[in-house]
C-alpha atoms as a PDB file:
ATOM      1  CA  MET A   1      20.542 -24.765  42.308  1.00  0.00           C
ATOM      2  CA  PHE A   2      17.345 -22.816  41.633  1.00  0.00           C
ATOM      3  CA  SER A   3      19.134 -20.192  39.553  1.00  0.00           C
ATOM      4  CA  ARG A   4      20.623 -22.986  37.434  1.00  0.00           C
ATOM      5  CA  LEU A   5      17.178 -24.516  37.017  1.00  0.00           C
ATOM      6  CA  ARG A   6      15.729 -21.158  35.984  1.00  0.00           C
ATOM      7  CA  SER A   7      18.507 -20.827  33.421  1.00  0.00           C
ATOM      8  CA  ASP A   8      17.730 -24.300  32.036  1.00  0.00           C
ATOM      9  CA  ILE A   9      14.039 -23.457  31.752  1.00  0.00           C
ATOM     10  CA  GLN A  10      14.751 -20.132  30.043  1.00  0.00           C
ATOM     11  CA  CYS A  11      17.031 -21.745  27.440  1.00  0.00           C
ATOM     12  CA  ILE A  12      14.174 -24.074  26.477  1.00  0.00           C
ATOM     13  CA  LEU A  13      11.766 -21.152  26.158  1.00  0.00           C
ATOM     14  CA  ASP A  14      14.319 -19.385  23.943  1.00  0.00           C
ATOM     15  CA  ARG A  15      14.904 -22.331  21.600  1.00  0.00           C
ATOM     16  CA  ASP A  16      11.545 -24.095  21.409  1.00  0.00           C
ATOM     17  CA  PRO A  17       8.637 -22.053  20.013  1.00  0.00           C
ATOM     18  CA  ALA A  18       6.235 -24.753  21.228  1.00  0.00           C
ATOM     19  CA  ALA A  19       7.107 -24.002  24.862  1.00  0.00           C
ATOM     20  CA  ARG A  20       4.537 -21.577  26.266  1.00  0.00           C
ATOM     21  CA  THR A  21       5.144 -21.220  29.997  1.00  0.00           C
ATOM     22  CA  ARG A  22       7.767 -22.042  32.590  1.00  0.00           C
ATOM     23  CA  TRP A  23       5.318 -24.322  34.354  1.00  0.00           C
ATOM     24  CA  GLU A  24       4.780 -26.290  31.157  1.00  0.00           C
ATOM     25  CA  VAL A  25       8.531 -26.682  30.671  1.00  0.00           C
ATOM     26  CA  LEU A  26       9.088 -27.676  34.296  1.00  0.00           C
ATOM     27  CA  THR A  27       6.385 -30.340  34.322  1.00  0.00           C
ATOM     28  CA  LEU A  28       6.214 -31.655  30.759  1.00  0.00           C
ATOM     29  CA  TYR A  29       9.700 -31.521  29.205  1.00  0.00           C
ATOM     30  CA  PRO A  30      11.608 -34.820  29.608  1.00  0.00           C
ATOM     31  CA  GLY A  31      14.829 -33.148  28.449  1.00  0.00           C
ATOM     32  CA  LEU A  32      14.755 -30.916  31.512  1.00  0.00           C
ATOM     33  CA  HIS A  33      13.904 -33.867  33.774  1.00  0.00           C
ATOM     34  CA  ALA A  34      16.858 -35.818  32.342  1.00  0.00           C
ATOM     35  CA  ILE A  35      19.216 -32.905  33.090  1.00  0.00           C
ATOM     36  CA  VAL A  36      18.009 -32.561  36.694  1.00  0.00           C
ATOM     37  CA  LEU A  37      18.256 -36.292  37.356  1.00  0.00           C
ATOM     38  CA  HIS A  38      21.674 -36.439  35.719  1.00  0.00           C
ATOM     39  CA  ARG A  39      23.023 -33.777  38.069  1.00  0.00           C
ATOM     40  CA  LEU A  40      21.947 -35.881  41.026  1.00  0.00           C
ATOM     41  CA  ALA A  41      23.411 -39.019  39.442  1.00  0.00           C
ATOM     42  CA  HIS A  42      26.658 -37.220  38.612  1.00  0.00           C
ATOM     43  CA  TRP A  43      26.977 -35.977  42.191  1.00  0.00           C
ATOM     44  CA  CYS A  44      26.622 -39.540  43.454  1.00  0.00           C
ATOM     45  CA  TRP A  45      29.147 -40.778  40.874  1.00  0.00           C
ATOM     46  CA  THR A  46      31.794 -38.205  41.802  1.00  0.00           C
ATOM     47  CA  HIS A  47      31.317 -38.803  45.550  1.00  0.00           C
ATOM     48  CA  GLY A  48      31.954 -42.535  45.419  1.00  0.00           C
ATOM     49  CA  LEU A  49      28.299 -43.629  45.266  1.00  0.00           C
ATOM     50  CA  LYS A  50      28.669 -45.143  41.827  1.00  0.00           C
ATOM     51  CA  TRP A  51      25.915 -47.736  42.145  1.00  0.00           C
ATOM     52  CA  PHE A  52      23.411 -45.075  43.242  1.00  0.00           C
ATOM     53  CA  GLY A  53      24.563 -42.906  40.351  1.00  0.00           C
ATOM     54  CA  ARG A  54      23.941 -45.699  37.873  1.00  0.00           C
ATOM     55  CA  PHE A  55      20.595 -46.480  39.512  1.00  0.00           C
ATOM     56  CA  ILE A  56      19.420 -42.870  39.178  1.00  0.00           C
ATOM     57  CA  SER A  57      20.536 -42.757  35.530  1.00  0.00           C
ATOM     58  CA  HIS A  58      18.682 -46.037  34.946  1.00  0.00           C
ATOM     59  CA  ILE A  59      15.478 -44.587  36.421  1.00  0.00           C
ATOM     60  CA  SER A  60      15.997 -41.420  34.361  1.00  0.00           C
ATOM     61  CA  ARG A  61      16.342 -43.492  31.200  1.00  0.00           C
ATOM     62  CA  TRP A  62      13.115 -45.319  32.016  1.00  0.00           C
ATOM     63  CA  LEU A  63      11.218 -42.085  32.712  1.00  0.00           C
ATOM     64  CA  THR A  64      12.571 -39.851  29.930  1.00  0.00           C
ATOM     65  CA  GLY A  65      13.968 -42.114  27.194  1.00  0.00           C
ATOM     66  CA  ILE A  66      17.303 -40.288  27.505  1.00  0.00           C
ATOM     67  CA  GLU A  67      20.323 -42.273  28.667  1.00  0.00           C
ATOM     68  CA  ILE A  68      23.124 -40.204  30.197  1.00  0.00           C
ATOM     69  CA  HIS A  69      25.914 -42.020  31.978  1.00  0.00           C
ATOM     70  CA  PRO A  70      26.428 -40.522  35.454  1.00  0.00           C
ATOM     71  CA  GLY A  71      30.110 -40.026  34.663  1.00  0.00           C
ATOM     72  CA  ALA A  72      29.357 -37.688  31.739  1.00  0.00           C
ATOM     73  CA  ILE A  73      29.852 -33.944  32.232  1.00  0.00           C
ATOM     74  CA  VAL A  74      26.925 -31.765  31.155  1.00  0.00           C
ATOM     75  CA  GLY A  75      27.185 -27.966  31.196  1.00  0.00           C
ATOM     76  CA  ASP A  76      24.601 -25.277  31.821  1.00  0.00           C
ATOM     77  CA  ARG A  77      21.689 -24.416  29.500  1.00  0.00           C
ATOM     78  CA  VAL A  78      21.897 -27.753  27.671  1.00  0.00           C
ATOM     79  CA  PHE A  79      18.640 -28.579  25.892  1.00  0.00           C
ATOM     80  CA  PHE A  80      17.675 -32.136  24.977  1.00  0.00           C
ATOM     81  CA  ASP A  81      14.894 -31.373  22.472  1.00  0.00           C
ATOM     82  CA  HIS A  82      12.458 -34.296  22.081  1.00  0.00           C
ATOM     83  CA  ALA A  83      15.568 -36.451  22.627  1.00  0.00           C
ATOM     84  CA  MET A  84      13.984 -39.906  22.782  1.00  0.00           C
ATOM     85  CA  GLY A  85      16.741 -42.456  22.258  1.00  0.00           C
ATOM     86  CA  VAL A  86      19.670 -40.168  23.074  1.00  0.00           C
ATOM     87  CA  VAL A  87      22.731 -41.949  24.489  1.00  0.00           C
ATOM     88  CA  VAL A  88      25.580 -40.065  26.191  1.00  0.00           C
ATOM     89  CA  GLY A  89      28.640 -42.105  27.160  1.00  0.00           C
ATOM     90  CA  GLU A  90      30.681 -42.094  30.345  1.00  0.00           C
ATOM     91  CA  THR A  91      33.551 -39.826  29.271  1.00  0.00           C
ATOM     92  CA  ALA A  92      31.447 -37.481  27.125  1.00  0.00           C
ATOM     93  CA  GLU A  93      31.482 -33.756  27.879  1.00  0.00           C
ATOM     94  CA  ILE A  94      28.726 -31.405  26.748  1.00  0.00           C
ATOM     95  CA  GLY A  95      29.480 -27.685  26.855  1.00  0.00           C
ATOM     96  CA  ASP A  96      27.211 -24.835  27.871  1.00  0.00           C
ATOM     97  CA  GLY A  97      24.334 -23.977  25.582  1.00  0.00           C
ATOM     98  CA  CYS A  98      24.375 -27.165  23.487  1.00  0.00           C
ATOM     99  CA  THR A  99      21.227 -28.513  21.835  1.00  0.00           C
ATOM    100  CA  ILE A 100      20.822 -32.244  21.226  1.00  0.00           C
ATOM    101  CA  TYR A 101      17.928 -33.766  19.307  1.00  0.00           C
ATOM    102  CA  GLN A 102      16.371 -37.233  19.276  1.00  0.00           C
ATOM    103  CA  GLY A 103      18.308 -40.349  18.360  1.00  0.00           C
ATOM    104  CA  VAL A 104      21.752 -38.846  18.967  1.00  0.00           C
ATOM    105  CA  THR A 105      24.640 -40.999  20.205  1.00  0.00           C
ATOM    106  CA  LEU A 106      27.739 -39.563  21.827  1.00  0.00           C
ATOM    107  CA  GLY A 107      29.584 -42.860  21.758  1.00  0.00           C
ATOM    108  CA  GLY A 108      33.022 -44.326  22.153  1.00  0.00           C
ATOM    109  CA  THR A 109      35.141 -46.490  19.899  1.00  0.00           C
ATOM    110  CA  SER A 110      37.760 -47.564  22.452  1.00  0.00           C
ATOM    111  CA  LEU A 111      37.402 -50.493  24.849  1.00  0.00           C
ATOM    112  CA  TYR A 112      40.122 -49.324  27.263  1.00  0.00           C
ATOM    113  CA  LYS A 113      38.786 -48.485  30.713  1.00  0.00           C
ATOM    114  CA  GLY A 114      39.825 -45.096  32.023  1.00  0.00           C
ATOM    115  CA  ALA A 115      40.596 -43.735  28.556  1.00  0.00           C
ATOM    116  CA  LYS A 116      38.834 -40.780  26.972  1.00  0.00           C
ATOM    117  CA  ARG A 117      36.437 -42.711  24.747  1.00  0.00           C
ATOM    118  CA  HIS A 118      33.599 -40.273  24.080  1.00  0.00           C
ATOM    119  CA  PRO A 119      33.457 -36.860  22.393  1.00  0.00           C
ATOM    120  CA  THR A 120      33.722 -33.419  23.937  1.00  0.00           C
ATOM    121  CA  LEU A 121      31.238 -30.841  22.663  1.00  0.00           C
ATOM    122  CA  GLY A 122      32.179 -27.180  22.938  1.00  0.00           C
ATOM    123  CA  ARG A 123      29.794 -24.356  23.711  1.00  0.00           C
ATOM    124  CA  ASN A 124      26.589 -23.843  21.693  1.00  0.00           C
ATOM    125  CA  VAL A 125      26.965 -26.985  19.583  1.00  0.00           C
ATOM    126  CA  VAL A 126      23.867 -28.348  17.805  1.00  0.00           C
ATOM    127  CA  VAL A 127      23.696 -32.110  17.241  1.00  0.00           C
ATOM    128  CA  SER A 128      20.783 -32.911  14.952  1.00  0.00           C
ATOM    129  CA  ALA A 129      18.429 -35.873  14.974  1.00  0.00           C
ATOM    130  CA  GLY A 130      19.981 -39.285  14.452  1.00  0.00           C
ATOM    131  CA  ALA A 131      23.588 -38.074  14.416  1.00  0.00           C
ATOM    132  CA  LYS A 132      26.351 -40.308  15.781  1.00  0.00           C
ATOM    133  CA  VAL A 133      29.471 -38.676  17.200  1.00  0.00           C
ATOM    134  CA  LEU A 134      31.936 -41.488  17.887  1.00  0.00           C
ATOM    135  CA  GLY A 135      35.338 -41.117  19.506  1.00  0.00           C
ATOM    136  CA  GLY A 136      37.293 -39.129  22.055  1.00  0.00           C
ATOM    137  CA  PHE A 137      37.768 -35.962  19.987  1.00  0.00           C
ATOM    138  CA  GLU A 138      36.480 -32.405  20.231  1.00  0.00           C
ATOM    139  CA  VAL A 139      33.652 -30.654  18.440  1.00  0.00           C
ATOM    140  CA  GLY A 140      34.418 -26.937  18.468  1.00  0.00           C
ATOM    141  CA  ASP A 141      32.296 -24.091  19.787  1.00  0.00           C
ATOM    142  CA  GLY A 142      29.308 -23.214  17.631  1.00  0.00           C
ATOM    143  CA  ALA A 143      29.672 -26.270  15.399  1.00  0.00           C
ATOM    144  CA  LYS A 144      26.690 -28.071  13.888  1.00  0.00           C
ATOM    145  CA  ILE A 145      26.247 -31.788  13.255  1.00  0.00           C
ATOM    146  CA  GLY A 146      23.715 -32.548  10.498  1.00  0.00           C
ATOM    147  CA  SER A 147      20.914 -35.074  10.849  1.00  0.00           C
ATOM    148  CA  ASN A 148      22.067 -38.713  10.609  1.00  0.00           C
ATOM    149  CA  ALA A 149      25.705 -37.679  10.184  1.00  0.00           C
ATOM    150  CA  VAL A 150      28.363 -40.087  11.455  1.00  0.00           C
ATOM    151  CA  VAL A 151      31.209 -38.002  12.867  1.00  0.00           C
ATOM    152  CA  ILE A 152      34.486 -39.830  13.511  1.00  0.00           C
ATOM    153  CA  LYS A 153      36.977 -36.932  13.504  1.00  0.00           C
ATOM    154  CA  PRO A 154      37.264 -33.488  15.137  1.00  0.00           C
ATOM    155  CA  VAL A 155      34.991 -30.692  13.947  1.00  0.00           C
ATOM    156  CA  PRO A 156      36.452 -27.153  13.967  1.00  0.00           C
ATOM    157  CA  ALA A 157      34.662 -24.320  15.732  1.00  0.00           C
ATOM    158  CA  GLY A 158      31.826 -22.860  13.670  1.00  0.00           C
ATOM    159  CA  ALA A 159      31.926 -25.648  11.072  1.00  0.00           C
ATOM    160  CA  THR A 160      29.116 -27.963   9.998  1.00  0.00           C
ATOM    161  CA  ALA A 161      29.547 -31.727   9.625  1.00  0.00           C
ATOM    162  CA  VAL A 162      27.254 -33.614   7.229  1.00  0.00           C
ATOM    163  CA  GLY A 163      27.179 -37.049   5.615  1.00  0.00           C
ATOM    164  CA  ILE A 164      28.365 -40.593   6.277  1.00  0.00           C
ATOM    165  CA  PRO A 165      31.161 -40.424   7.189  1.00  0.00           C
ATOM    166  CA  ALA A 166      30.795 -36.758   8.004  1.00  0.00           C
ATOM    167  CA  ARG A 167      32.424 -34.172   5.752  1.00  0.00           C
ATOM    168  CA  ILE A 168      33.276 -30.738   7.094  1.00  0.00           C
ATOM    169  CA  ILE A 169      31.828 -27.488   5.766  1.00  0.00           C
ATOM    170  CA  PRO A 170      34.185 -24.890   7.270  1.00  0.00           C
ATOM    171  CA  SER A 171      33.115 -21.559   8.664  1.00  0.00           C
ATOM    172  CA  LYS A 172      33.783 -18.686   6.239  1.00  0.00           C
ATOM    173  CA  THR A 173      33.395 -15.663   8.473  1.00  0.00           C
ATOM    174  CA  GLY A 174      33.877 -16.993  11.976  1.00  0.00           C
ATOM    175  CA  GLU A 175      30.145 -17.638  12.266  1.00  0.00           C
ATOM    176  CA  SER A 176      28.509 -21.016  11.951  1.00  0.00           C
ATOM    177  CA  ALA A 177      28.257 -22.237   8.363  1.00  0.00           C
ATOM    178  CA  ASP A 178      24.547 -22.879   8.639  1.00  0.00           C
ATOM    179  CA  LEU A 179      23.006 -19.587   9.701  1.00  0.00           C
ATOM    180  CA  ALA A 180      19.455 -19.574   8.380  1.00  0.00           C
ATOM    181  CA  GLN A 181      19.479 -15.806   7.922  1.00  0.00           C
ATOM    182  CA  PRO A 182      21.795 -12.880   8.678  1.00  0.00           C
ATOM    183  CA  GLY A 183      21.991 -12.222  12.380  1.00  0.00           C
ATOM    184  CA  ALA A 184      20.352 -15.518  13.366  1.00  0.00           C
ATOM    185  CA  LYS A 185      21.509 -16.849  16.724  1.00  0.00           C
ATOM    186  CA  PHE A 186      20.094 -20.365  16.672  1.00  0.00           C
ATOM    187  CA  SER A 187      19.279 -22.748  13.846  1.00  0.00           C
ATOM    188  CA  ALA A 188      17.010 -25.641  14.746  1.00  0.00           C
ATOM    189  CA  TYR A 189      18.239 -29.083  13.692  1.00  0.00           C
ATOM    190  CA  GLY A 190      21.482 -27.557  12.396  1.00  0.00           C
ATOM    191  CA  VAL A 191      19.881 -26.794   9.022  1.00  0.00           C
ATOM    192  CA  THR A 192      22.556 -25.552   6.627  1.00  0.00           C
ATOM    193  CA  LEU A 193      22.304 -23.291   3.608  1.00  0.00           C
ATOM    194  CA  GLU A 194      25.705 -24.448   2.437  1.00  0.00           C
ATOM    195  CA  ASP A 195      26.129 -27.293  -0.049  1.00  0.00           C
ATOM    196  CA  ASP A 196      27.651 -30.619   0.854  1.00  0.00           C
ATOM    197  CA  PRO A 197      31.381 -30.472  -0.063  1.00  0.00           C
ATOM    198  CA  VAL A 198      30.996 -33.434  -2.427  1.00  0.00           C
ATOM    199  CA  SER A 199      28.129 -31.642  -4.150  1.00  0.00           C
ATOM    200  CA  GLN A 200      30.298 -28.537  -4.495  1.00  0.00           C
ATOM    201  CA  ALA A 201      33.090 -30.605  -6.068  1.00  0.00           C
ATOM    202  CA  MET A 202      30.693 -32.277  -8.498  1.00  0.00           C
ATOM    203  CA  LYS A 203      29.261 -28.919  -9.553  1.00  0.00           C
ATOM    204  CA  GLY A 204      32.783 -27.643 -10.171  1.00  0.00           C
ATOM    205  CA  LEU A 205      33.582 -30.654 -12.382  1.00  0.00           C
ATOM    206  CA  ILE A 206      30.339 -30.188 -14.297  1.00  0.00           C
ATOM    207  CA  ASN A 207      31.133 -26.510 -14.924  1.00  0.00           C
ATOM    208  CA  ILE A 208      34.642 -27.357 -16.143  1.00  0.00           C
ATOM    209  CA  ALA A 209      33.409 -30.135 -18.459  1.00  0.00           C
ATOM    210  CA  SER A 210      30.665 -27.912 -19.824  1.00  0.00           C
ATOM    211  CA  GLY A 211      33.166 -25.140 -20.540  1.00  0.00           C
ATOM    212  CA  GLN A 212      35.539 -27.530 -22.299  1.00  0.00           C
ATOM    213  CA  ASP A 213      32.682 -28.890 -24.417  1.00  0.00           C
ATOM    214  CA  HIS A 214      31.818 -25.339 -25.443  1.00  0.00           C
ATOM    215  CA  GLN A 215      35.424 -24.518 -26.357  1.00  0.00           C
ATOM    216  CA  ILE A 216      35.827 -27.700 -28.441  1.00  0.00           C
ATOM    217  CA  ALA A 217      32.671 -26.882 -30.366  1.00  0.00           C
ATOM    218  CA  LEU A 218      33.987 -23.361 -31.063  1.00  0.00           C
ATOM    219  CA  LEU A 219      37.303 -24.770 -32.315  1.00  0.00           C
ATOM    220  CA  TRP A 220      35.601 -27.126 -34.786  1.00  0.00           C
ATOM    221  CA  GLN A 221      33.371 -24.301 -36.004  1.00  0.00           C
ATOM    222  CA  ALA A 222      36.453 -22.122 -36.593  1.00  0.00           C
ATOM    223  CA  ILE A 223      38.199 -24.923 -38.472  1.00  0.00           C
ATOM    224  CA  GLU A 224      35.070 -25.426 -40.584  1.00  0.00           C
ATOM    225  CA  SER A 225      35.020 -21.714 -41.447  1.00  0.00           C
ATOM    226  CA  LEU A 226      38.681 -21.771 -42.467  1.00  0.00           C
ATOM    227  CA  SER A 227      38.147 -24.891 -44.574  1.00  0.00           C
ATOM    228  CA  ALA A 228      35.338 -23.173 -46.449  1.00  0.00           C
ATOM    229  CA  GLN A 229      37.680 -20.474 -47.815  1.00  0.00           C
ATOM    230  CA  PRO A 230      38.748 -20.752 -51.490  1.00  0.00           C
ATOM    231  CA  GLY A 231      41.734 -22.986 -52.010  1.00  0.00           C
ATOM    232  CA  LYS A 232      41.501 -24.511 -48.529  1.00  0.00           C
ATOM    233  CA  LYS A 233      41.082 -28.202 -47.995  1.00  0.00           C
ATOM    234  CA  ASP A 234      38.274 -29.416 -45.790  1.00  0.00           C
ATOM    235  CA  CYS A 235      40.010 -30.777 -42.727  1.00  0.00           C
ATOM    236  CA  VAL A 236      37.006 -31.177 -40.426  1.00  0.00           C
ATOM    237  CA  PRO A 237      36.487 -34.867 -39.540  1.00  0.00           C
ATOM    238  CA  CYS A 238      33.058 -36.235 -40.344  1.00  0.00           C
ATOM    239  CA  ASP A 239      32.490 -37.111 -36.678  1.00  0.00           C
ATOM    240  CA  ALA A 240      33.544 -33.717 -35.297  1.00  0.00           C
ATOM    241  CA  ALA A 241      31.184 -32.426 -32.581  1.00  0.00           C
ATOM    242  CA  LYS A 242      30.468 -28.940 -33.838  1.00  0.00           C
ATOM    243  CA  ASP A 243      27.447 -28.599 -31.559  1.00  0.00           C
ATOM    244  CA  GLU A 244      27.602 -28.649 -27.778  1.00  0.00           C
ATOM    245  CA  SER A 245      26.204 -31.857 -26.302  1.00  0.00           C
ATOM    246  CA  PHE A 246      27.218 -31.778 -22.625  1.00  0.00           C
ATOM    247  CA  GLU A 247      24.033 -31.878 -20.511  1.00  0.00           C
ATOM    248  CA  ALA A 248      25.214 -29.707 -17.645  1.00  0.00           C
ATOM    249  CA  ASP A 249      21.737 -28.658 -16.516  1.00  0.00           C
ATOM    250  CA  ARG A 250      20.486 -32.238 -16.266  1.00  0.00           C
ATOM    251  CA  LEU A 251      23.537 -33.383 -14.297  1.00  0.00           C
ATOM    252  CA  THR A 252      23.236 -30.393 -11.990  1.00  0.00           C
ATOM    253  CA  GLN A 253      19.626 -31.329 -11.266  1.00  0.00           C
ATOM    254  CA  LEU A 254      20.672 -34.897 -10.458  1.00  0.00           C
ATOM    255  CA  ILE A 255      23.129 -33.821  -7.758  1.00  0.00           C
ATOM    256  CA  GLY A 256      20.888 -31.005  -6.514  1.00  0.00           C
ATOM    257  CA  LYS A 257      21.125 -27.283  -7.021  1.00  0.00           C
END
């Protein structure tokens, strides 16, 4: 028990630069208190003392602002950072090394008792502030959920989910898609350097349209040059766009670089 507690304290020191000492973490971090109380509540729940399990989780919610159903499975080195308003449902599973920020909901969409209603998080998953992960699916190892994302489908290992509903930015090299710098091991709040997939698609369309506008202008200029030769008839329409007019830079700024 004490070795597990030491591991929980160390993971907080590793991931939170504001944490200064083990004593500070042990006495002043509600995320750690919620984990310790949940283990007691979960023990009661799995040994037939379901009311006592719910009572302990109720007291934990009142003391820490973090609501974890006693039936949920929480792994080792899980860090609830700030975590006010976090809700973890009965059939949720949180893998080792996960980090969950404030306002997160691991919720269910099914009303059938006994069914798997809540998500399963793999190892080292980061769920950012305000994210909602809804349903009995899996979020793969090393995945990241962006702030305020609403995830309603599985997330592959190493991928990043952003948006409402969440869109998936796949991993390119087997690493997480949102590494802040080469060799980084942890990225707070799941911050991603990759573009939103919709933004990538829009940029692609803008590039194609800009290229077509350029080619059309070149064609009209060539026709104008041919028409200017002796004995040739001017066949350039008066409304031909011989100058490029597609505002690619402005549109790119609107959707974000």
